[in-house]
Amino acid sequence: MKRNKPRKVRAVKNRAAHVRQVQRIPPTAEAARDEGPRLLPLVDRSKEPSRLEHYLDLADTALGKKSGIKREPKTEI
């Protein structure tokens, strides 16, 4: 008599976990319209001087096209 091997049991995936929790709406519905970006910038970066401007100022100062930073004259003690 032949001995039966025990069957290998496969782990069954829970298919219910993969079901979407969000209800889909048709693209023609009123709620599906695009209202544009949702995020607002926190800082207006256009007002901040860039590093490039700083380097251009340094180059202009080195070439003599722009007066350098005005400093108080050093007094010797």
PDB file of N, CA and C in Angstrom:
ATOM      1  N   MET A   1       0.828  -1.158   0.000  1.00  0.00           N
ATOM      2  CA  MET A   1       0.000   0.000   0.000  1.00  0.00           C
ATOM      3  C   MET A   1       0.891   1.246   0.000  1.00  0.00           C
ATOM      4  N   LYS A   2       0.517   2.210  -0.818  1.00  0.00           N
ATOM      5  CA  LYS A   2       1.278   3.425  -0.985  1.00  0.00           C
ATOM      6  C   LYS A   2       0.902   4.439   0.104  1.00  0.00           C
ATOM      7  N   ARG A   3       1.925   5.062   0.641  1.00  0.00           N
ATOM      8  CA  ARG A   3       1.684   6.019   1.716  1.00  0.00           C
ATOM      9  C   ARG A   3       1.429   7.408   1.122  1.00  0.00           C
ATOM     10  N   ASN A   4       0.383   8.054   1.534  1.00  0.00           N
ATOM     11  CA  ASN A   4       0.044   9.390   1.031  1.00  0.00           C
ATOM     12  C   ASN A   4       0.884  10.447   1.741  1.00  0.00           C
ATOM     13  N   LYS A   5       1.422  11.355   0.944  1.00  0.00           N
ATOM     14  CA  LYS A   5       2.172  12.468   1.514  1.00  0.00           C
ATOM     15  C   LYS A   5       1.175  13.502   2.036  1.00  0.00           C
ATOM     16  N   PRO A   6       1.531  14.148   3.102  1.00  0.00           N
ATOM     17  CA  PRO A   6       0.623  15.203   3.565  1.00  0.00           C
ATOM     18  C   PRO A   6       0.631  16.361   2.565  1.00  0.00           C
ATOM     19  N   ARG A   7      -0.511  16.921   2.337  1.00  0.00           N
ATOM     20  CA  ARG A   7      -0.629  18.025   1.390  1.00  0.00           C
ATOM     21  C   ARG A   7      -0.004  19.291   1.972  1.00  0.00           C
ATOM     22  N   LYS A   8       0.638  20.025   1.082  1.00  0.00           N
ATOM     23  CA  LYS A   8       1.186  21.309   1.500  1.00  0.00           C
ATOM     24  C   LYS A   8       0.047  22.325   1.501  1.00  0.00           C
ATOM     25  N   VAL A   9      -0.026  23.049   2.565  1.00  0.00           N
ATOM     26  CA  VAL A   9      -1.085  24.039   2.692  1.00  0.00           C
ATOM     27  C   VAL A   9      -0.516  25.400   2.297  1.00  0.00           C
ATOM     28  N   ARG A  10      -1.155  26.027   1.342  1.00  0.00           N
ATOM     29  CA  ARG A  10      -0.733  27.348   0.892  1.00  0.00           C
ATOM     30  C   ARG A  10      -1.422  28.411   1.736  1.00  0.00           C
ATOM     31  N   ALA A  11      -0.698  29.452   1.983  1.00  0.00           N
ATOM     32  CA  ALA A  11      -1.310  30.569   2.694  1.00  0.00           C
ATOM     33  C   ALA A  11      -2.259  31.271   1.733  1.00  0.00           C
ATOM     34  N   VAL A  12      -3.474  31.429   2.136  1.00  0.00           N
ATOM     35  CA  VAL A  12      -4.476  32.076   1.302  1.00  0.00           C
ATOM     36  C   VAL A  12      -4.431  33.569   1.593  1.00  0.00           C
ATOM     37  N   LYS A  13      -4.271  34.351   0.528  1.00  0.00           N
ATOM     38  CA  LYS A  13      -4.226  35.797   0.699  1.00  0.00           C
ATOM     39  C   LYS A  13      -5.632  36.316   0.972  1.00  0.00           C
ATOM     40  N   ASN A  14      -5.682  37.250   1.837  1.00  0.00           N
ATOM     41  CA  ASN A  14      -6.959  37.871   2.149  1.00  0.00           C
ATOM     42  C   ASN A  14      -7.269  38.883   1.052  1.00  0.00           C
ATOM     43  N   ARG A  15      -8.136  38.531   0.160  1.00  0.00           N
ATOM     44  CA  ARG A  15      -8.452  39.400  -0.970  1.00  0.00           C
ATOM     45  C   ARG A  15      -9.280  40.608  -0.537  1.00  0.00           C
ATOM     46  N   ALA A  16      -9.945  40.506   0.572  1.00  0.00           N
ATOM     47  CA  ALA A  16     -10.756  41.628   1.033  1.00  0.00           C
ATOM     48  C   ALA A  16      -9.879  42.809   1.440  1.00  0.00           C
ATOM     49  N   ALA A  17      -8.628  42.557   1.789  1.00  0.00           N
ATOM     50  CA  ALA A  17      -7.727  43.643   2.193  1.00  0.00           C
ATOM     51  C   ALA A  17      -7.346  44.509   1.002  1.00  0.00           C
ATOM     52  N   HIS A  18      -7.441  43.987  -0.201  1.00  0.00           N
ATOM     53  CA  HIS A  18      -7.046  44.721  -1.395  1.00  0.00           C
ATOM     54  C   HIS A  18      -8.204  45.498  -2.022  1.00  0.00           C
ATOM     55  N   VAL A  19      -9.384  45.406  -1.458  1.00  0.00           N
ATOM     56  CA  VAL A  19     -10.537  46.115  -1.991  1.00  0.00           C
ATOM     57  C   VAL A  19     -10.376  47.594  -1.665  1.00  0.00           C
ATOM     58  N   ARG A  20     -10.651  48.431  -2.644  1.00  0.00           N
ATOM     59  CA  ARG A  20     -10.509  49.875  -2.437  1.00  0.00           C
ATOM     60  C   ARG A  20     -11.558  50.377  -1.447  1.00  0.00           C
ATOM     61  N   GLN A  21     -11.114  51.243  -0.574  1.00  0.00           N
ATOM     62  CA  GLN A  21     -12.023  51.837   0.394  1.00  0.00           C
ATOM     63  C   GLN A  21     -12.657  53.122  -0.153  1.00  0.00           C
ATOM     64  N   VAL A  22     -12.145  53.605  -1.277  1.00  0.00           N
ATOM     65  CA  VAL A  22     -12.645  54.842  -1.865  1.00  0.00           C
ATOM     66  C   VAL A  22     -13.642  54.510  -2.961  1.00  0.00           C
ATOM     67  N   GLN A  23     -14.756  55.183  -2.920  1.00  0.00           N
ATOM     68  CA  GLN A  23     -15.769  54.947  -3.945  1.00  0.00           C
ATOM     69  C   GLN A  23     -15.417  55.766  -5.179  1.00  0.00           C
ATOM     70  N   ARG A  24     -15.351  55.120  -6.312  1.00  0.00           N
ATOM     71  CA  ARG A  24     -15.017  55.809  -7.555  1.00  0.00           C
ATOM     72  C   ARG A  24     -16.218  56.600  -8.044  1.00  0.00           C
ATOM     73  N   ILE A  25     -15.904  57.762  -8.616  1.00  0.00           N
ATOM     74  CA  ILE A  25     -16.959  58.574  -9.205  1.00  0.00           C
ATOM     75  C   ILE A  25     -16.636  58.764 -10.680  1.00  0.00           C
ATOM     76  N   PRO A  26     -17.647  58.899 -11.519  1.00  0.00           N
ATOM     77  CA  PRO A  26     -17.379  59.080 -12.949  1.00  0.00           C
ATOM     78  C   PRO A  26     -16.745  60.447 -13.202  1.00  0.00           C
ATOM     79  N   PRO A  27     -15.895  60.555 -14.224  1.00  0.00           N
ATOM     80  CA  PRO A  27     -15.226  61.830 -14.489  1.00  0.00           C
ATOM     81  C   PRO A  27     -16.176  62.950 -14.903  1.00  0.00           C
ATOM     82  N   THR A  28     -17.386  62.594 -15.304  1.00  0.00           N
ATOM     83  CA  THR A  28     -18.345  63.623 -15.705  1.00  0.00           C
ATOM     84  C   THR A  28     -19.130  64.170 -14.520  1.00  0.00           C
ATOM     85  N   ALA A  29     -18.960  63.590 -13.350  1.00  0.00           N
ATOM     86  CA  ALA A  29     -19.700  64.040 -12.167  1.00  0.00           C
ATOM     87  C   ALA A  29     -19.199  65.408 -11.714  1.00  0.00           C
ATOM     88  N   GLU A  30     -20.080  66.157 -11.058  1.00  0.00           N
ATOM     89  CA  GLU A  30     -19.736  67.499 -10.575  1.00  0.00           C
ATOM     90  C   GLU A  30     -18.590  67.449  -9.562  1.00  0.00           C
ATOM     91  N   ALA A  31     -18.544  66.424  -8.737  1.00  0.00           N
ATOM     92  CA  ALA A  31     -17.510  66.316  -7.702  1.00  0.00           C
ATOM     93  C   ALA A  31     -16.144  65.973  -8.277  1.00  0.00           C
ATOM     94  N   ALA A  32     -16.081  65.572  -9.539  1.00  0.00           N
ATOM     95  CA  ALA A  32     -14.808  65.151 -10.129  1.00  0.00           C
ATOM     96  C   ALA A  32     -14.078  66.282 -10.832  1.00  0.00           C
ATOM     97  N   ARG A  33     -14.623  67.488 -10.795  1.00  0.00           N
ATOM     98  CA  ARG A  33     -13.965  68.581 -11.517  1.00  0.00           C
ATOM     99  C   ARG A  33     -12.638  68.941 -10.850  1.00  0.00           C
ATOM    100  N   ASP A  34     -11.714  69.402 -11.666  1.00  0.00           N
ATOM    101  CA  ASP A  34     -10.394  69.767 -11.164  1.00  0.00           C
ATOM    102  C   ASP A  34     -10.438  71.220 -10.714  1.00  0.00           C
ATOM    103  N   GLU A  35     -10.036  71.456  -9.491  1.00  0.00           N
ATOM    104  CA  GLU A  35     -10.057  72.813  -8.961  1.00  0.00           C
ATOM    105  C   GLU A  35      -8.666  73.415  -8.875  1.00  0.00           C
ATOM    106  N   GLY A  36      -7.691  72.789  -9.466  1.00  0.00           N
ATOM    107  CA  GLY A  36      -6.341  73.342  -9.456  1.00  0.00           C
ATOM    108  C   GLY A  36      -5.516  72.831  -8.292  1.00  0.00           C
ATOM    109  N   PRO A  37      -4.340  73.433  -8.096  1.00  0.00           N
ATOM    110  CA  PRO A  37      -3.440  72.944  -7.045  1.00  0.00           C
ATOM    111  C   PRO A  37      -4.020  73.189  -5.653  1.00  0.00           C
ATOM    112  N   ARG A  38      -3.745  72.280  -4.760  1.00  0.00           N
ATOM    113  CA  ARG A  38      -4.258  72.370  -3.397  1.00  0.00           C
ATOM    114  C   ARG A  38      -3.227  72.950  -2.431  1.00  0.00           C
ATOM    115  N   LEU A  39      -1.961  72.912  -2.797  1.00  0.00           N
ATOM    116  CA  LEU A  39      -0.913  73.358  -1.892  1.00  0.00           C
ATOM    117  C   LEU A  39      -0.557  74.814  -2.168  1.00  0.00           C
ATOM    118  N   LEU A  40      -0.401  75.565  -1.129  1.00  0.00           N
ATOM    119  CA  LEU A  40      -0.009  76.962  -1.253  1.00  0.00           C
ATOM    120  C   LEU A  40       1.443  77.095  -0.834  1.00  0.00           C
ATOM    121  N   PRO A  41       2.218  77.873  -1.560  1.00  0.00           N
ATOM    122  CA  PRO A  41       3.616  78.048  -1.151  1.00  0.00           C
ATOM    123  C   PRO A  41       3.678  78.801   0.174  1.00  0.00           C
ATOM    124  N   LEU A  42       4.556  78.353   1.065  1.00  0.00           N
ATOM    125  CA  LEU A  42       4.682  78.988   2.365  1.00  0.00           C
ATOM    126  C   LEU A  42       5.551  80.230   2.310  1.00  0.00           C
ATOM    127  N   VAL A  43       6.550  80.226   1.444  1.00  0.00           N
ATOM    128  CA  VAL A  43       7.491  81.338   1.371  1.00  0.00           C
ATOM    129  C   VAL A  43       7.597  81.791  -0.079  1.00  0.00           C
ATOM    130  N   ASP A  44       7.575  83.083  -0.274  1.00  0.00           N
ATOM    131  CA  ASP A  44       7.771  83.614  -1.619  1.00  0.00           C
ATOM    132  C   ASP A  44       9.270  83.709  -1.867  1.00  0.00           C
ATOM    133  N   ARG A  45       9.803  82.790  -2.627  1.00  0.00           N
ATOM    134  CA  ARG A  45      11.243  82.716  -2.838  1.00  0.00           C
ATOM    135  C   ARG A  45      11.754  83.790  -3.802  1.00  0.00           C
ATOM    136  N   SER A  46      10.876  84.440  -4.530  1.00  0.00           N
ATOM    137  CA  SER A  46      11.332  85.449  -5.478  1.00  0.00           C
ATOM    138  C   SER A  46      11.874  86.687  -4.755  1.00  0.00           C
ATOM    139  N   LYS A  47      11.469  86.912  -3.508  1.00  0.00           N
ATOM    140  CA  LYS A  47      11.934  88.066  -2.755  1.00  0.00           C
ATOM    141  C   LYS A  47      13.303  87.834  -2.125  1.00  0.00           C
ATOM    142  N   GLU A  48      13.689  86.586  -1.949  1.00  0.00           N
ATOM    143  CA  GLU A  48      14.972  86.281  -1.334  1.00  0.00           C
ATOM    144  C   GLU A  48      16.083  86.399  -2.378  1.00  0.00           C
ATOM    145  N   PRO A  49      17.195  87.043  -2.028  1.00  0.00           N
ATOM    146  CA  PRO A  49      18.299  87.114  -2.993  1.00  0.00           C
ATOM    147  C   PRO A  49      18.930  85.734  -3.182  1.00  0.00           C
ATOM    148  N   SER A  50      19.258  85.449  -4.407  1.00  0.00           N
ATOM    149  CA  SER A  50      19.858  84.150  -4.679  1.00  0.00           C
ATOM    150  C   SER A  50      21.360  84.221  -4.477  1.00  0.00           C
ATOM    151  N   ARG A  51      21.991  83.075  -4.404  1.00  0.00           N
ATOM    152  CA  ARG A  51      23.445  83.035  -4.259  1.00  0.00           C
ATOM    153  C   ARG A  51      24.124  83.584  -5.508  1.00  0.00           C
ATOM    154  N   LEU A  52      23.493  83.390  -6.644  1.00  0.00           N
ATOM    155  CA  LEU A  52      24.077  83.871  -7.891  1.00  0.00           C
ATOM    156  C   LEU A  52      24.227  85.388  -7.861  1.00  0.00           C
ATOM    157  N   GLU A  53      23.214  86.065  -7.331  1.00  0.00           N
ATOM    158  CA  GLU A  53      23.300  87.519  -7.234  1.00  0.00           C
ATOM    159  C   GLU A  53      24.461  87.930  -6.341  1.00  0.00           C
ATOM    160  N   HIS A  54      24.673  87.207  -5.267  1.00  0.00           N
ATOM    161  CA  HIS A  54      25.779  87.509  -4.358  1.00  0.00           C
ATOM    162  C   HIS A  54      27.115  87.352  -5.083  1.00  0.00           C
ATOM    163  N   TYR A  55      27.248  86.282  -5.838  1.00  0.00           N
ATOM    164  CA  TYR A  55      28.495  86.059  -6.581  1.00  0.00           C
ATOM    165  C   TYR A  55      28.691  87.121  -7.671  1.00  0.00           C
ATOM    166  N   LEU A  56      27.620  87.542  -8.301  1.00  0.00           N
ATOM    167  CA  LEU A  56      27.723  88.605  -9.302  1.00  0.00           C
ATOM    168  C   LEU A  56      28.157  89.921  -8.656  1.00  0.00           C
ATOM    169  N   ASP A  57      27.628  90.200  -7.464  1.00  0.00           N
ATOM    170  CA  ASP A  57      28.052  91.406  -6.748  1.00  0.00           C
ATOM    171  C   ASP A  57      29.531  91.338  -6.394  1.00  0.00           C
ATOM    172  N   LEU A  58      29.997  90.165  -5.953  1.00  0.00           N
ATOM    173  CA  LEU A  58      31.416  90.009  -5.628  1.00  0.00           C
ATOM    174  C   LEU A  58      32.285  90.201  -6.870  1.00  0.00           C
ATOM    175  N   ALA A  59      31.841  89.658  -8.000  1.00  0.00           N
ATOM    176  CA  ALA A  59      32.608  89.795  -9.241  1.00  0.00           C
ATOM    177  C   ALA A  59      32.645  91.254  -9.692  1.00  0.00           C
ATOM    178  N   ASP A  60      31.516  91.949  -9.585  1.00  0.00           N
ATOM    179  CA  ASP A  60      31.490  93.365  -9.956  1.00  0.00           C
ATOM    180  C   ASP A  60      32.414  94.181  -9.059  1.00  0.00           C
ATOM    181  N   THR A  61      32.432  93.860  -7.777  1.00  0.00           N
ATOM    182  CA  THR A  61      33.314  94.562  -6.847  1.00  0.00           C
ATOM    183  C   THR A  61      34.773  94.295  -7.196  1.00  0.00           C
ATOM    184  N   ALA A  62      35.099  93.053  -7.527  1.00  0.00           N
ATOM    185  CA  ALA A  62      36.479  92.699  -7.867  1.00  0.00           C
ATOM    186  C   ALA A  62      36.922  93.386  -9.153  1.00  0.00           C
ATOM    187  N   LEU A  63      36.016  93.557 -10.097  1.00  0.00           N
ATOM    188  CA  LEU A  63      36.361  94.204 -11.361  1.00  0.00           C
ATOM    189  C   LEU A  63      36.308  95.727 -11.265  1.00  0.00           C
ATOM    190  N   GLY A  64      35.852  96.236 -10.141  1.00  0.00           N
ATOM    191  CA  GLY A  64      35.794  97.677  -9.960  1.00  0.00           C
ATOM    192  C   GLY A  64      34.573  98.317 -10.571  1.00  0.00           C
ATOM    193  N   LYS A  65      33.615  97.530 -11.010  1.00  0.00           N
ATOM    194  CA  LYS A  65      32.407  98.088 -11.619  1.00  0.00           C
ATOM    195  C   LYS A  65      31.400  98.536 -10.564  1.00  0.00           C
ATOM    196  N   LYS A  66      31.601  98.062  -9.349  1.00  0.00           N
ATOM    197  CA  LYS A  66      30.662  98.376  -8.286  1.00  0.00           C
ATOM    198  C   LYS A  66      31.471  98.661  -7.030  1.00  0.00           C
ATOM    199  N   SER A  67      31.035  99.652  -6.278  1.00  0.00           N
ATOM    200  CA  SER A  67      31.780  99.936  -5.051  1.00  0.00           C
ATOM    201  C   SER A  67      31.499  98.826  -4.045  1.00  0.00           C
ATOM    202  N   GLY A  68      32.497  98.496  -3.289  1.00  0.00           N
ATOM    203  CA  GLY A  68      32.373  97.406  -2.324  1.00  0.00           C
ATOM    204  C   GLY A  68      31.534  97.799  -1.127  1.00  0.00           C
ATOM    205  N   ILE A  69      31.500  96.938  -0.161  1.00  0.00           N
ATOM    206  CA  ILE A  69      30.748  97.189   1.054  1.00  0.00           C
ATOM    207  C   ILE A  69      31.424  98.333   1.804  1.00  0.00           C
ATOM    208  N   LYS A  70      30.634  99.301   2.209  1.00  0.00           N
ATOM    209  CA  LYS A  70      31.199 100.435   2.932  1.00  0.00           C
ATOM    210  C   LYS A  70      31.458 100.015   4.370  1.00  0.00           C
ATOM    211  N   ARG A  71      32.691 100.192   4.790  1.00  0.00           N
ATOM    212  CA  ARG A  71      33.077  99.825   6.149  1.00  0.00           C
ATOM    213  C   ARG A  71      33.617 101.056   6.854  1.00  0.00           C
ATOM    214  N   GLU A  72      33.527 101.015   8.146  1.00  0.00           N
ATOM    215  CA  GLU A  72      34.098 102.107   8.931  1.00  0.00           C
ATOM    216  C   GLU A  72      35.614 101.985   8.907  1.00  0.00           C
ATOM    217  N   PRO A  73      36.320 103.099   8.850  1.00  0.00           N
ATOM    218  CA  PRO A  73      37.787 103.018   8.849  1.00  0.00           C
ATOM    219  C   PRO A  73      38.284 102.474  10.185  1.00  0.00           C
ATOM    220  N   LYS A  74      39.307 101.643  10.089  1.00  0.00           N
ATOM    221  CA  LYS A  74      39.868 101.050  11.299  1.00  0.00           C
ATOM    222  C   LYS A  74      40.679 102.104  12.043  1.00  0.00           C
ATOM    223  N   THR A  75      40.500 102.147  13.309  1.00  0.00           N
ATOM    224  CA  THR A  75      41.294 103.063  14.130  1.00  0.00           C
ATOM    225  C   THR A  75      42.312 102.246  14.899  1.00  0.00           C
ATOM    226  N   GLU A  76      43.546 102.660  14.821  1.00  0.00           N
ATOM    227  CA  GLU A  76      44.601 101.942  15.528  1.00  0.00           C
ATOM    228  C   GLU A  76      44.711 102.485  16.937  1.00  0.00           C
ATOM    229  N   ILE A  77      44.891 101.607  17.851  1.00  0.00           N
ATOM    230  CA  ILE A  77      45.008 102.001  19.255  1.00  0.00           C
ATOM    231  C   ILE A  77      46.455 102.042  19.669  1.00  0.00           C
TER     232      ILE A  77
END
